[in-house]
N, C-alpha and C. Protein backbone atom coordinates (compact mmCIF):
# COMPACT_ATOMS: atom_id res chain seq x y z
N UNK A 1 0.70 -93.34 38.26
CA UNK A 1 -0.46 -92.31 38.15
C UNK A 1 -0.12 -91.27 38.95
N UNK A 2 0.36 -91.39 39.98
CA UNK A 2 0.57 -90.17 40.97
C UNK A 2 1.86 -89.56 40.44
N UNK A 3 2.70 -90.27 39.86
CA UNK A 3 4.03 -89.71 39.34
C UNK A 3 3.68 -88.72 38.15
N UNK A 4 2.72 -89.18 37.34
CA UNK A 4 2.26 -88.34 36.17
C UNK A 4 1.65 -87.06 36.58
N UNK A 5 0.77 -87.15 37.61
CA UNK A 5 0.04 -86.12 38.19
C UNK A 5 1.09 -85.05 38.79
N UNK A 6 2.12 -85.37 39.37
CA UNK A 6 3.03 -84.68 40.10
C UNK A 6 3.78 -83.88 38.95
N UNK A 7 4.05 -84.53 37.69
CA UNK A 7 4.80 -83.98 36.78
C UNK A 7 4.16 -82.79 36.01
N UNK A 8 2.79 -83.04 35.88
CA UNK A 8 1.96 -82.01 35.28
C UNK A 8 1.94 -80.81 36.22
N UNK A 9 1.88 -81.15 37.55
CA UNK A 9 1.79 -79.81 38.50
C UNK A 9 3.05 -79.04 38.33
N UNK A 10 4.26 -79.82 38.27
CA UNK A 10 5.55 -79.09 38.12
C UNK A 10 5.46 -78.33 37.00
N UNK A 11 4.99 -78.72 35.79
CA UNK A 11 5.00 -78.14 34.50
C UNK A 11 4.30 -76.82 34.65
N UNK A 12 3.00 -77.05 35.21
CA UNK A 12 2.19 -75.67 35.33
C UNK A 12 2.81 -74.67 36.20
N UNK A 13 3.21 -75.02 37.36
CA UNK A 13 4.01 -74.22 38.21
C UNK A 13 5.20 -73.46 37.43
N UNK A 14 5.94 -74.23 36.64
CA UNK A 14 7.12 -73.64 35.84
C UNK A 14 6.48 -72.58 34.77
N UNK A 15 5.24 -72.82 34.26
CA UNK A 15 4.77 -71.81 33.38
C UNK A 15 4.48 -70.53 33.95
N UNK A 16 3.77 -70.71 35.03
CA UNK A 16 3.30 -69.59 35.97
C UNK A 16 4.32 -68.82 36.36
N UNK A 17 5.35 -69.55 36.84
CA UNK A 17 6.71 -68.84 37.39
C UNK A 17 7.39 -67.92 36.21
N UNK A 18 7.42 -68.62 35.16
CA UNK A 18 8.12 -67.77 33.84
C UNK A 18 7.24 -66.46 33.67
N UNK A 19 5.83 -66.50 33.59
CA UNK A 19 5.23 -65.18 33.41
C UNK A 19 5.25 -64.17 34.42
N UNK A 20 5.36 -64.80 35.72
CA UNK A 20 5.70 -63.75 36.98
C UNK A 20 7.02 -63.12 36.78
N UNK A 21 8.07 -63.87 36.50
CA UNK A 21 9.28 -63.43 36.35
C UNK A 21 9.59 -62.36 35.11
N UNK A 22 8.97 -62.79 34.01
CA UNK A 22 8.96 -61.88 32.86
C UNK A 22 7.57 -61.45 32.34
N UNK A 23 7.13 -60.33 32.95
CA UNK A 23 5.70 -59.80 32.58
C UNK A 23 5.57 -59.29 31.22
N UNK A 24 7.03 -58.96 30.76
CA UNK A 24 6.86 -58.39 29.37
C UNK A 24 6.59 -59.28 28.18
N UNK A 25 6.81 -60.53 28.69
CA UNK A 25 6.57 -61.63 27.67
C UNK A 25 4.98 -61.71 27.32
N UNK A 26 4.26 -61.44 28.11
CA UNK A 26 2.87 -61.39 27.79
C UNK A 26 2.17 -60.27 27.03
N UNK A 27 3.14 -59.14 27.01
CA UNK A 27 2.73 -58.02 26.36
C UNK A 27 3.54 -57.48 25.23
N UNK A 28 4.56 -58.43 25.03
CA UNK A 28 5.41 -57.99 24.04
C UNK A 28 4.76 -57.90 22.58
N UNK A 29 3.94 -58.71 22.25
CA UNK A 29 3.33 -58.76 20.85
C UNK A 29 2.58 -57.48 20.87
N UNK A 30 1.82 -57.03 21.85
CA UNK A 30 0.76 -55.91 21.80
C UNK A 30 1.56 -54.81 21.51
N UNK A 31 2.88 -54.55 22.35
CA UNK A 31 3.70 -53.27 22.29
C UNK A 31 4.28 -53.15 20.92
N UNK A 32 4.72 -54.32 20.29
CA UNK A 32 5.13 -54.27 18.95
C UNK A 32 4.07 -53.85 17.95
N UNK A 33 2.89 -54.47 18.22
CA UNK A 33 1.78 -53.94 17.22
C UNK A 33 1.46 -52.51 17.30
N UNK A 34 1.54 -51.85 18.53
CA UNK A 34 1.36 -50.44 18.76
C UNK A 34 2.30 -49.66 17.97
N UNK A 35 3.63 -49.98 18.05
CA UNK A 35 4.61 -49.44 17.56
C UNK A 35 4.60 -49.48 15.92
N UNK A 36 4.24 -50.53 15.47
CA UNK A 36 3.99 -50.74 13.93
C UNK A 36 2.95 -49.93 13.48
N UNK A 37 1.89 -49.58 14.22
CA UNK A 37 0.80 -48.72 13.89
C UNK A 37 1.09 -47.29 13.80
N UNK A 38 1.92 -46.89 14.94
CA UNK A 38 2.44 -45.60 14.90
C UNK A 38 3.45 -45.21 13.78
N UNK A 39 4.17 -46.29 13.31
CA UNK A 39 5.28 -46.14 12.10
C UNK A 39 4.29 -46.01 11.00
N UNK A 40 3.20 -46.62 10.80
CA UNK A 40 2.41 -46.65 9.62
C UNK A 40 1.61 -45.34 9.41
N UNK A 41 1.18 -44.76 10.67
CA UNK A 41 0.63 -43.40 10.63
C UNK A 41 1.50 -42.31 10.27
N UNK A 42 2.78 -42.46 10.81
CA UNK A 42 3.85 -41.60 10.53
C UNK A 42 4.16 -41.40 8.86
N UNK A 43 4.23 -42.69 8.35
CA UNK A 43 4.58 -42.77 6.84
C UNK A 43 3.35 -42.21 5.96
N UNK A 44 2.08 -42.54 6.56
CA UNK A 44 1.02 -41.95 5.79
C UNK A 44 0.98 -40.42 5.90
N UNK A 45 1.25 -39.92 7.02
CA UNK A 45 1.27 -38.50 7.02
C UNK A 45 2.19 -37.85 6.16
N UNK A 46 3.68 -38.56 6.23
CA UNK A 46 4.61 -37.83 5.41
C UNK A 46 4.00 -37.96 3.86
N UNK A 47 3.38 -39.02 3.47
CA UNK A 47 2.98 -39.09 2.04
C UNK A 47 1.98 -38.23 1.70
N UNK A 48 1.05 -37.72 2.62
CA UNK A 48 -0.13 -36.83 2.55
C UNK A 48 0.43 -35.55 2.21
N UNK A 49 -0.01 -35.08 0.94
CA UNK A 49 0.26 -33.46 0.45
C UNK A 49 -0.09 -32.54 1.65
N UNK A 50 0.62 -31.42 1.80
CA UNK A 50 0.08 -30.46 2.69
C UNK A 50 -0.93 -29.64 2.08
N UNK A 51 -1.84 -29.22 3.10
CA UNK A 51 -2.97 -28.46 2.63
C UNK A 51 -2.28 -27.07 2.15
N UNK A 52 -2.93 -26.61 1.01
CA UNK A 52 -2.38 -25.24 0.40
C UNK A 52 -2.78 -24.14 1.29
N UNK A 53 -1.80 -23.27 1.68
CA UNK A 53 -2.15 -22.03 2.50
C UNK A 53 -3.08 -21.08 1.89
N UNK A 54 -4.16 -20.64 2.54
CA UNK A 54 -4.98 -19.68 1.93
C UNK A 54 -4.74 -18.20 2.42
N UNK A 55 -4.11 -17.59 1.39
CA UNK A 55 -3.71 -16.25 1.90
C UNK A 55 -5.03 -15.22 1.78
N UNK A 56 -4.91 -14.17 2.63
CA UNK A 56 -6.03 -13.16 2.54
C UNK A 56 -5.85 -12.50 1.38
N UNK A 57 -7.14 -11.99 0.73
CA UNK A 57 -7.26 -11.33 -0.59
C UNK A 57 -6.57 -9.80 -0.40
N UNK A 58 -5.99 -9.34 -1.25
CA UNK A 58 -5.30 -7.93 -1.25
C UNK A 58 -6.60 -7.05 -1.06
N UNK A 59 -6.44 -5.99 -0.24
CA UNK A 59 -7.29 -4.84 0.04
C UNK A 59 -7.11 -3.85 -1.18
N UNK A 60 -8.07 -3.61 -2.00
CA UNK A 60 -7.86 -2.70 -3.06
C UNK A 60 -8.57 -1.19 -2.77
N UNK A 61 -7.65 -0.18 -2.89
CA UNK A 61 -7.91 1.28 -2.59
C UNK A 61 -8.84 1.66 -3.64
N UNK A 62 -9.60 2.59 -3.40
CA UNK A 62 -10.61 3.26 -4.39
C UNK A 62 -10.33 4.78 -4.17
N UNK A 63 -10.71 5.72 -5.23
CA UNK A 63 -10.61 6.97 -5.00
C UNK A 63 -11.92 7.82 -5.39
N UNK A 64 -12.27 8.73 -4.81
CA UNK A 64 -13.46 9.48 -4.95
C UNK A 64 -13.16 10.95 -5.29
N UNK A 65 -13.60 11.54 -6.34
CA UNK A 65 -13.60 12.92 -6.41
C UNK A 65 -14.74 13.64 -6.00
N UNK A 66 -14.75 14.68 -5.11
CA UNK A 66 -15.89 15.40 -4.65
C UNK A 66 -15.68 16.91 -5.13
N UNK A 67 -16.55 17.15 -6.33
CA UNK A 67 -16.48 18.45 -6.82
C UNK A 67 -17.92 19.25 -6.85
N UNK A 68 -17.96 20.43 -7.12
CA UNK A 68 -19.22 21.23 -7.17
C UNK A 68 -19.37 21.98 -5.83
N UNK A 69 -18.33 22.05 -4.96
CA UNK A 69 -18.78 22.67 -3.68
C UNK A 69 -18.30 24.14 -3.88
N UNK A 70 -19.18 24.96 -3.27
CA UNK A 70 -18.74 26.45 -3.33
C UNK A 70 -17.52 26.59 -2.15
N UNK A 71 -17.02 27.84 -2.02
CA UNK A 71 -15.99 28.00 -1.13
C UNK A 71 -16.60 27.79 0.20
N UNK A 72 -17.49 28.44 0.55
CA UNK A 72 -18.00 28.02 1.97
C UNK A 72 -18.34 26.78 2.27
N UNK A 73 -19.01 25.92 1.20
CA UNK A 73 -19.34 24.77 1.46
C UNK A 73 -18.06 23.82 1.52
N UNK A 74 -17.06 24.14 0.90
CA UNK A 74 -15.82 23.31 0.98
C UNK A 74 -15.21 23.48 2.20
N UNK A 75 -15.25 24.56 2.99
CA UNK A 75 -14.68 24.85 4.26
C UNK A 75 -15.45 23.91 5.17
N UNK A 76 -16.68 23.89 5.08
CA UNK A 76 -17.64 22.92 5.97
C UNK A 76 -17.34 21.36 5.59
N UNK A 77 -17.12 20.99 4.55
CA UNK A 77 -16.77 19.91 4.06
C UNK A 77 -15.52 19.40 4.54
N UNK A 78 -14.64 20.34 4.44
CA UNK A 78 -13.19 19.86 5.00
C UNK A 78 -13.37 19.28 6.53
N UNK A 79 -14.11 20.10 7.08
CA UNK A 79 -14.30 19.63 8.54
C UNK A 79 -15.00 18.37 8.73
N UNK A 80 -15.93 18.16 8.06
CA UNK A 80 -16.74 16.87 7.88
C UNK A 80 -15.67 15.70 7.52
N UNK A 81 -14.69 15.82 6.58
CA UNK A 81 -13.84 14.86 6.08
C UNK A 81 -12.86 14.68 7.44
N UNK A 82 -12.53 15.81 7.97
CA UNK A 82 -11.62 15.50 9.32
C UNK A 82 -12.15 14.73 10.25
N UNK A 83 -13.42 14.89 10.48
CA UNK A 83 -14.13 14.17 11.52
C UNK A 83 -14.36 12.48 10.95
N UNK A 84 -14.48 12.42 9.71
CA UNK A 84 -14.60 11.15 8.98
C UNK A 84 -13.28 10.47 9.24
N UNK A 85 -12.12 10.90 9.15
CA UNK A 85 -10.87 10.37 9.18
C UNK A 85 -10.70 9.70 10.51
N UNK A 86 -11.37 10.24 11.61
CA UNK A 86 -11.35 9.61 12.84
C UNK A 86 -12.18 8.29 12.99
N UNK A 87 -13.08 8.03 11.91
CA UNK A 87 -14.02 6.93 12.03
C UNK A 87 -13.63 5.87 10.91
N UNK A 88 -13.03 6.32 9.80
CA UNK A 88 -12.83 5.52 8.70
C UNK A 88 -11.46 5.55 8.34
N UNK A 89 -10.82 4.55 7.79
CA UNK A 89 -9.48 4.43 7.14
C UNK A 89 -9.48 5.21 5.81
N UNK A 90 -9.08 6.65 5.76
CA UNK A 90 -8.96 7.35 4.60
C UNK A 90 -8.21 8.56 4.54
N UNK A 91 -7.74 8.97 3.45
CA UNK A 91 -6.98 10.37 3.32
C UNK A 91 -7.60 11.13 2.06
N UNK A 92 -7.34 12.31 2.41
CA UNK A 92 -7.89 13.28 1.36
C UNK A 92 -6.93 14.46 0.94
N UNK A 93 -7.17 14.87 -0.10
CA UNK A 93 -6.32 16.18 -0.48
C UNK A 93 -7.22 17.20 -1.22
N UNK A 94 -6.93 18.38 -1.22
CA UNK A 94 -7.66 19.46 -2.10
C UNK A 94 -6.80 19.66 -3.42
N UNK A 95 -7.54 19.53 -4.46
CA UNK A 95 -6.88 19.61 -5.81
C UNK A 95 -7.45 20.99 -6.55
N UNK A 96 -6.67 21.59 -7.27
CA UNK A 96 -7.23 22.62 -8.14
C UNK A 96 -7.88 22.20 -9.25
N UNK A 97 -9.08 22.76 -9.65
CA UNK A 97 -9.76 22.13 -10.83
C UNK A 97 -9.04 22.55 -12.19
N UNK A 98 -8.30 23.82 -12.25
CA UNK A 98 -7.62 24.24 -13.38
C UNK A 98 -6.12 24.38 -12.86
N UNK A 99 -5.21 23.87 -13.65
CA UNK A 99 -3.77 24.17 -13.48
C UNK A 99 -2.94 24.56 -14.75
N UNK A 100 -1.88 25.09 -14.41
CA UNK A 100 -1.01 25.49 -15.59
C UNK A 100 0.34 24.93 -15.24
N UNK A 101 1.20 24.65 -16.16
CA UNK A 101 2.39 23.89 -16.15
C UNK A 101 3.74 24.78 -16.20
N UNK A 102 4.49 24.79 -15.13
CA UNK A 102 5.61 25.80 -15.02
C UNK A 102 6.78 24.99 -15.32
N UNK A 103 7.62 25.44 -16.30
CA UNK A 103 8.70 24.93 -16.50
C UNK A 103 9.80 25.83 -15.65
N UNK A 104 10.64 25.01 -14.87
CA UNK A 104 11.60 25.63 -14.02
C UNK A 104 13.00 24.95 -13.86
N UNK A 105 14.00 25.60 -13.55
CA UNK A 105 15.38 25.20 -13.17
C UNK A 105 15.30 25.07 -11.52
N UNK A 106 15.44 23.98 -11.16
CA UNK A 106 15.09 23.96 -9.51
C UNK A 106 15.98 24.84 -8.66
N UNK A 107 15.26 25.10 -7.62
CA UNK A 107 15.97 26.12 -6.60
C UNK A 107 17.40 25.96 -6.52
N UNK A 108 18.15 26.98 -6.43
CA UNK A 108 19.69 26.96 -6.16
C UNK A 108 19.90 27.45 -4.64
N UNK A 109 21.30 27.13 -4.08
CA UNK A 109 21.31 27.22 -2.77
C UNK A 109 21.52 28.74 -2.24
N UNK A 110 21.53 29.69 -3.15
CA UNK A 110 21.52 31.15 -2.80
C UNK A 110 21.17 32.00 -3.93
N UNK A 111 21.06 33.35 -3.57
CA UNK A 111 20.85 34.42 -4.54
C UNK A 111 21.87 34.45 -5.57
N UNK A 112 23.13 34.52 -5.04
CA UNK A 112 24.29 34.65 -5.86
C UNK A 112 24.31 33.61 -6.88
N UNK A 113 24.17 32.22 -6.49
CA UNK A 113 24.04 31.20 -7.40
C UNK A 113 23.02 31.27 -8.35
N UNK A 114 21.75 31.79 -8.04
CA UNK A 114 20.67 31.97 -8.85
C UNK A 114 21.03 33.03 -9.96
N UNK A 115 21.69 34.06 -9.31
CA UNK A 115 21.99 35.00 -10.37
C UNK A 115 22.98 34.73 -11.45
N UNK A 116 23.91 33.95 -10.99
CA UNK A 116 24.97 33.36 -11.98
C UNK A 116 24.31 32.40 -12.93
N UNK A 117 23.44 31.58 -12.52
CA UNK A 117 22.77 30.57 -13.28
C UNK A 117 21.87 31.53 -14.39
N UNK A 118 21.07 32.55 -14.01
CA UNK A 118 20.34 33.29 -14.79
C UNK A 118 21.20 33.89 -15.91
N UNK A 119 22.41 34.45 -15.69
CA UNK A 119 23.28 34.97 -16.63
C UNK A 119 23.63 33.98 -17.72
N UNK A 120 23.96 32.65 -17.18
CA UNK A 120 24.32 31.60 -18.02
C UNK A 120 23.18 31.27 -19.13
N UNK A 121 21.91 31.54 -18.52
CA UNK A 121 20.70 31.16 -19.43
C UNK A 121 20.43 32.24 -20.47
N UNK A 122 20.57 33.50 -19.98
CA UNK A 122 20.26 34.65 -20.79
C UNK A 122 21.44 34.70 -22.06
N UNK A 123 22.64 34.23 -21.68
CA UNK A 123 23.68 34.31 -22.59
C UNK A 123 23.47 33.15 -23.68
N UNK A 124 22.60 32.23 -23.65
CA UNK A 124 21.96 31.25 -24.51
C UNK A 124 20.72 31.58 -25.33
N UNK A 125 20.31 32.83 -24.95
CA UNK A 125 19.11 33.33 -25.66
C UNK A 125 17.93 33.16 -24.89
N UNK A 126 17.99 32.76 -23.53
CA UNK A 126 16.57 32.55 -22.85
C UNK A 126 16.37 33.83 -22.02
N UNK A 127 15.94 34.77 -22.84
CA UNK A 127 15.78 36.11 -22.24
C UNK A 127 14.45 36.35 -21.35
N UNK A 128 13.55 35.41 -21.49
CA UNK A 128 12.45 35.53 -20.79
C UNK A 128 12.56 34.83 -19.25
N UNK A 129 13.67 34.28 -18.95
CA UNK A 129 13.90 33.66 -17.84
C UNK A 129 14.00 34.60 -16.63
N UNK A 130 13.63 34.32 -15.26
CA UNK A 130 13.99 35.25 -14.25
C UNK A 130 13.91 34.33 -12.93
N UNK A 131 14.55 34.87 -11.87
CA UNK A 131 14.75 34.26 -10.55
C UNK A 131 13.47 34.32 -9.81
N UNK A 132 13.15 33.20 -9.25
CA UNK A 132 11.81 33.25 -8.38
C UNK A 132 12.14 33.80 -7.05
N UNK A 133 11.48 34.72 -6.49
CA UNK A 133 11.88 35.42 -5.22
C UNK A 133 11.08 34.93 -4.01
N UNK A 134 9.92 34.12 -4.23
CA UNK A 134 9.18 33.86 -3.25
C UNK A 134 9.26 32.28 -2.81
N UNK A 135 8.90 31.83 -1.61
CA UNK A 135 8.97 30.50 -1.22
C UNK A 135 7.73 29.84 -1.80
N UNK A 136 7.65 28.49 -1.91
CA UNK A 136 8.51 27.60 -1.76
C UNK A 136 9.55 27.47 -2.94
N UNK A 137 9.47 28.25 -3.99
CA UNK A 137 10.55 28.18 -5.02
C UNK A 137 11.48 29.20 -4.98
N UNK A 138 11.81 29.81 -3.91
CA UNK A 138 13.02 30.92 -4.03
C UNK A 138 14.25 30.42 -4.71
N UNK A 139 14.72 31.12 -5.51
CA UNK A 139 15.96 30.96 -6.03
C UNK A 139 16.05 29.98 -7.37
N UNK A 140 14.74 29.53 -7.67
CA UNK A 140 14.53 28.86 -8.72
C UNK A 140 14.60 29.72 -10.05
N UNK A 141 14.86 29.10 -11.13
CA UNK A 141 14.81 30.01 -12.50
C UNK A 141 13.36 29.64 -13.44
N UNK A 142 12.69 30.64 -13.41
CA UNK A 142 11.43 30.33 -14.12
C UNK A 142 11.67 30.37 -15.58
N UNK A 143 11.26 29.31 -16.49
CA UNK A 143 11.56 29.39 -17.79
C UNK A 143 10.19 29.31 -18.55
N UNK A 144 8.97 29.76 -18.03
CA UNK A 144 7.87 29.74 -18.75
C UNK A 144 6.76 28.96 -17.99
N UNK A 145 5.40 29.60 -18.30
CA UNK A 145 4.14 28.94 -17.68
C UNK A 145 3.32 28.57 -18.88
N UNK A 146 2.75 27.49 -18.78
CA UNK A 146 2.07 26.88 -19.98
C UNK A 146 0.83 26.36 -19.69
N UNK A 147 -0.24 26.29 -20.56
CA UNK A 147 -1.65 25.90 -20.26
C UNK A 147 -1.61 24.54 -20.36
N UNK A 148 -0.88 23.64 -20.99
CA UNK A 148 -1.01 22.17 -21.24
C UNK A 148 0.31 21.69 -21.13
N UNK A 149 0.28 20.26 -20.90
CA UNK A 149 1.43 19.35 -20.82
C UNK A 149 2.37 19.56 -22.16
N UNK A 150 1.56 19.48 -23.11
CA UNK A 150 2.35 19.25 -24.52
C UNK A 150 3.27 20.60 -24.80
N UNK A 151 2.68 21.87 -24.52
CA UNK A 151 3.40 23.15 -24.48
C UNK A 151 4.57 23.18 -23.61
N UNK A 152 4.34 22.66 -22.25
CA UNK A 152 5.45 22.50 -21.44
C UNK A 152 6.55 21.61 -21.87
N UNK A 153 6.27 20.57 -22.28
CA UNK A 153 7.18 19.40 -22.88
C UNK A 153 7.99 20.11 -23.96
N UNK A 154 7.40 20.92 -24.95
CA UNK A 154 8.02 21.51 -26.05
C UNK A 154 8.98 22.41 -25.61
N UNK A 155 8.80 23.18 -24.59
CA UNK A 155 9.63 24.09 -24.06
C UNK A 155 10.72 23.47 -23.36
N UNK A 156 10.51 22.46 -22.69
CA UNK A 156 11.63 21.75 -22.11
C UNK A 156 12.57 21.07 -23.19
N UNK A 157 12.16 20.68 -24.17
CA UNK A 157 13.04 20.17 -25.36
C UNK A 157 13.80 21.36 -25.87
N UNK A 158 13.21 22.47 -26.04
CA UNK A 158 13.73 23.62 -26.67
C UNK A 158 15.03 23.98 -25.62
N UNK A 159 14.93 24.17 -24.31
CA UNK A 159 15.99 24.36 -23.42
C UNK A 159 16.96 23.24 -23.42
N UNK A 160 16.51 22.12 -23.53
CA UNK A 160 17.82 21.06 -23.43
C UNK A 160 18.44 21.03 -24.59
N UNK A 161 18.00 21.59 -25.88
CA UNK A 161 18.69 21.54 -27.14
C UNK A 161 19.81 22.60 -26.96
N UNK A 162 19.63 23.65 -26.00
CA UNK A 162 20.59 24.55 -25.84
C UNK A 162 21.64 23.95 -24.80
N UNK A 163 21.61 22.78 -24.29
CA UNK A 163 22.48 22.31 -23.20
C UNK A 163 22.21 22.43 -21.96
N UNK A 164 20.97 23.00 -21.75
CA UNK A 164 20.50 23.02 -20.26
C UNK A 164 19.79 21.86 -19.78
N UNK A 165 20.27 21.12 -18.91
CA UNK A 165 19.60 19.87 -18.45
C UNK A 165 19.20 20.12 -17.03
N UNK A 166 18.27 19.32 -16.57
CA UNK A 166 17.96 19.25 -15.03
C UNK A 166 16.80 20.17 -14.80
N UNK A 167 16.04 20.62 -15.97
CA UNK A 167 14.75 21.20 -15.78
C UNK A 167 13.62 20.30 -15.31
N UNK A 168 12.52 21.02 -14.77
CA UNK A 168 11.36 19.99 -14.30
C UNK A 168 10.10 20.97 -14.46
N UNK A 169 9.00 20.12 -14.72
CA UNK A 169 7.66 20.83 -14.93
C UNK A 169 6.75 20.71 -13.52
N UNK A 170 6.52 21.76 -12.94
CA UNK A 170 5.44 21.79 -11.89
C UNK A 170 4.23 22.03 -12.11
N UNK A 171 3.28 21.56 -11.24
CA UNK A 171 1.75 22.16 -11.61
C UNK A 171 1.42 23.38 -10.65
N UNK A 172 0.82 24.44 -11.17
CA UNK A 172 0.41 25.42 -10.36
C UNK A 172 -1.09 25.67 -10.61
N UNK A 173 -1.81 25.96 -9.62
CA UNK A 173 -3.12 26.05 -9.81
C UNK A 173 -3.42 27.60 -10.49
N UNK A 174 -4.40 27.74 -11.44
CA UNK A 174 -4.67 28.85 -12.08
C UNK A 174 -5.33 29.82 -11.03
N UNK A 175 -5.13 31.11 -11.25
CA UNK A 175 -5.57 32.17 -10.35
C UNK A 175 -7.10 32.12 -10.26
N UNK A 176 -7.75 32.04 -9.05
CA UNK A 176 -8.99 32.11 -8.99
C UNK A 176 -9.87 30.70 -9.32
N UNK A 177 -9.05 29.60 -9.43
CA UNK A 177 -9.68 28.43 -9.70
C UNK A 177 -10.45 27.74 -8.59
N UNK A 178 -11.49 26.92 -8.93
CA UNK A 178 -12.17 26.21 -7.79
C UNK A 178 -11.15 24.93 -7.51
N UNK A 179 -11.65 24.43 -6.24
CA UNK A 179 -10.81 23.21 -5.88
C UNK A 179 -11.85 22.13 -5.59
N UNK A 180 -11.41 20.97 -5.50
CA UNK A 180 -12.23 19.71 -5.31
C UNK A 180 -11.41 18.68 -4.42
N UNK A 181 -12.10 17.84 -3.79
CA UNK A 181 -11.42 17.00 -2.87
C UNK A 181 -11.26 15.63 -3.45
N UNK A 182 -9.94 15.06 -3.47
CA UNK A 182 -9.60 13.68 -3.72
C UNK A 182 -9.58 12.88 -2.56
N UNK A 183 -10.27 11.81 -2.37
CA UNK A 183 -10.48 11.01 -1.19
C UNK A 183 -9.91 9.61 -1.57
N UNK A 184 -9.30 9.07 -0.88
CA UNK A 184 -8.70 7.70 -1.12
C UNK A 184 -8.84 6.86 0.09
N UNK A 185 -9.41 5.58 0.02
CA UNK A 185 -9.75 4.72 1.03
C UNK A 185 -9.72 3.34 0.69
N UNK A 186 -9.53 2.40 1.48
CA UNK A 186 -9.77 0.87 1.22
C UNK A 186 -10.73 0.24 2.15
N UNK A 187 -11.64 1.25 2.80
CA UNK A 187 -12.71 0.95 3.65
C UNK A 187 -14.06 0.90 2.85
N UNK A 188 -14.72 -0.20 2.58
CA UNK A 188 -15.97 -0.09 1.96
C UNK A 188 -17.16 0.95 2.42
N UNK A 189 -16.97 0.87 3.79
CA UNK A 189 -18.04 1.66 4.51
C UNK A 189 -17.92 3.24 4.28
N UNK A 190 -16.66 3.52 3.83
CA UNK A 190 -16.42 5.06 3.57
C UNK A 190 -17.43 5.45 2.41
N UNK A 191 -17.59 4.43 1.39
CA UNK A 191 -18.50 4.95 0.35
C UNK A 191 -19.92 5.44 0.90
N UNK A 192 -20.46 4.59 1.71
CA UNK A 192 -21.79 5.14 2.43
C UNK A 192 -21.76 6.33 3.29
N UNK A 193 -20.53 6.50 3.87
CA UNK A 193 -20.28 7.68 4.66
C UNK A 193 -20.33 8.76 3.71
N UNK A 194 -19.45 8.85 2.56
CA UNK A 194 -19.38 9.77 1.79
C UNK A 194 -20.75 10.29 1.12
N UNK A 195 -21.49 9.12 0.89
CA UNK A 195 -22.69 9.34 0.22
C UNK A 195 -23.66 10.25 1.12
N UNK A 196 -23.46 9.84 2.33
CA UNK A 196 -24.43 10.49 3.45
C UNK A 196 -23.97 12.05 3.45
N UNK A 197 -22.64 12.19 3.58
CA UNK A 197 -22.30 13.57 3.61
C UNK A 197 -22.55 14.42 2.31
N UNK A 198 -22.65 13.89 1.16
CA UNK A 198 -22.97 14.39 -0.24
C UNK A 198 -24.42 14.86 -0.15
N UNK A 199 -25.17 14.25 0.65
CA UNK A 199 -26.65 14.80 0.50
C UNK A 199 -26.80 16.13 1.22
N UNK A 200 -26.01 16.41 2.03
CA UNK A 200 -25.77 17.75 2.77
C UNK A 200 -25.66 18.90 1.82
N UNK A 201 -24.86 18.56 0.69
CA UNK A 201 -24.63 19.50 -0.18
C UNK A 201 -24.98 19.05 -1.56
N UNK A 202 -26.37 19.48 -1.86
CA UNK A 202 -27.06 18.74 -3.06
C UNK A 202 -26.54 19.28 -4.41
N UNK A 203 -25.78 20.35 -4.36
CA UNK A 203 -25.26 20.85 -5.76
C UNK A 203 -23.87 20.20 -6.13
N UNK A 204 -23.45 19.45 -5.14
CA UNK A 204 -22.11 18.79 -5.40
C UNK A 204 -22.13 17.48 -5.90
N UNK A 205 -21.05 16.90 -6.30
CA UNK A 205 -21.36 15.55 -7.22
C UNK A 205 -19.99 14.70 -6.73
N UNK A 206 -20.15 13.35 -6.37
CA UNK A 206 -18.91 12.65 -6.29
C UNK A 206 -18.93 11.36 -7.26
N UNK A 207 -17.81 11.28 -7.58
CA UNK A 207 -17.49 10.14 -8.85
C UNK A 207 -16.25 9.45 -8.50
N UNK A 208 -16.27 8.09 -8.73
CA UNK A 208 -15.23 7.30 -8.57
C UNK A 208 -14.25 7.44 -9.72
N UNK A 209 -13.03 7.55 -9.35
CA UNK A 209 -11.86 7.76 -10.35
C UNK A 209 -10.59 6.84 -10.02
N UNK A 210 -9.93 6.63 -10.91
CA UNK A 210 -8.70 5.87 -10.82
C UNK A 210 -7.73 6.77 -9.82
N UNK A 211 -7.12 5.94 -8.97
CA UNK A 211 -6.09 6.58 -8.01
C UNK A 211 -4.94 6.95 -8.65
N UNK A 212 -4.41 8.13 -8.17
CA UNK A 212 -3.23 8.66 -8.88
C UNK A 212 -2.08 7.52 -8.44
N UNK A 213 -0.93 7.49 -9.15
CA UNK A 213 0.01 6.51 -8.92
C UNK A 213 0.88 6.92 -7.68
């Protein structure tokens, strides 16, 4: 009996000594379980589809024509718009209400070159052509001023039929024409600001139009 008791004590001591000398033995299954869970999470993340990227909506510009201002009112409104440029994101230009269409041969590098080109054109029968003397079109060759685009296009075709290539059509304001403002912005608050400004000039009118290309 004493021998059996001593054998049991030796066995217990041996087991205890094994766990003391090899502490990883009691934690091994737990560590392996954690590694398995991490791998499973990784696999699940790899299989999950990526969330679609949400892109910001494109900001659309809009354009406003501001017409009906007298010459004096236009001077004041121009200053109002300049101040508004410092507060809102916008740009503006002054456009002639009535224009003519000018068919020209583009400016040449010198007066001598322009005179030579004019001789070539008159020899082809273009007797109404002349050299422009004033800036910004100095040394261009004028080939006619027309009331509409159709007439200007017809003149261009006539000149090209004579072998003269490279002409172009420019827009010129009619003498004494009124002007209006063309305002472009992508800031919605600009509409309210312009409406407030328009109330100061009751005879004027603002209208939304397609922006030029």
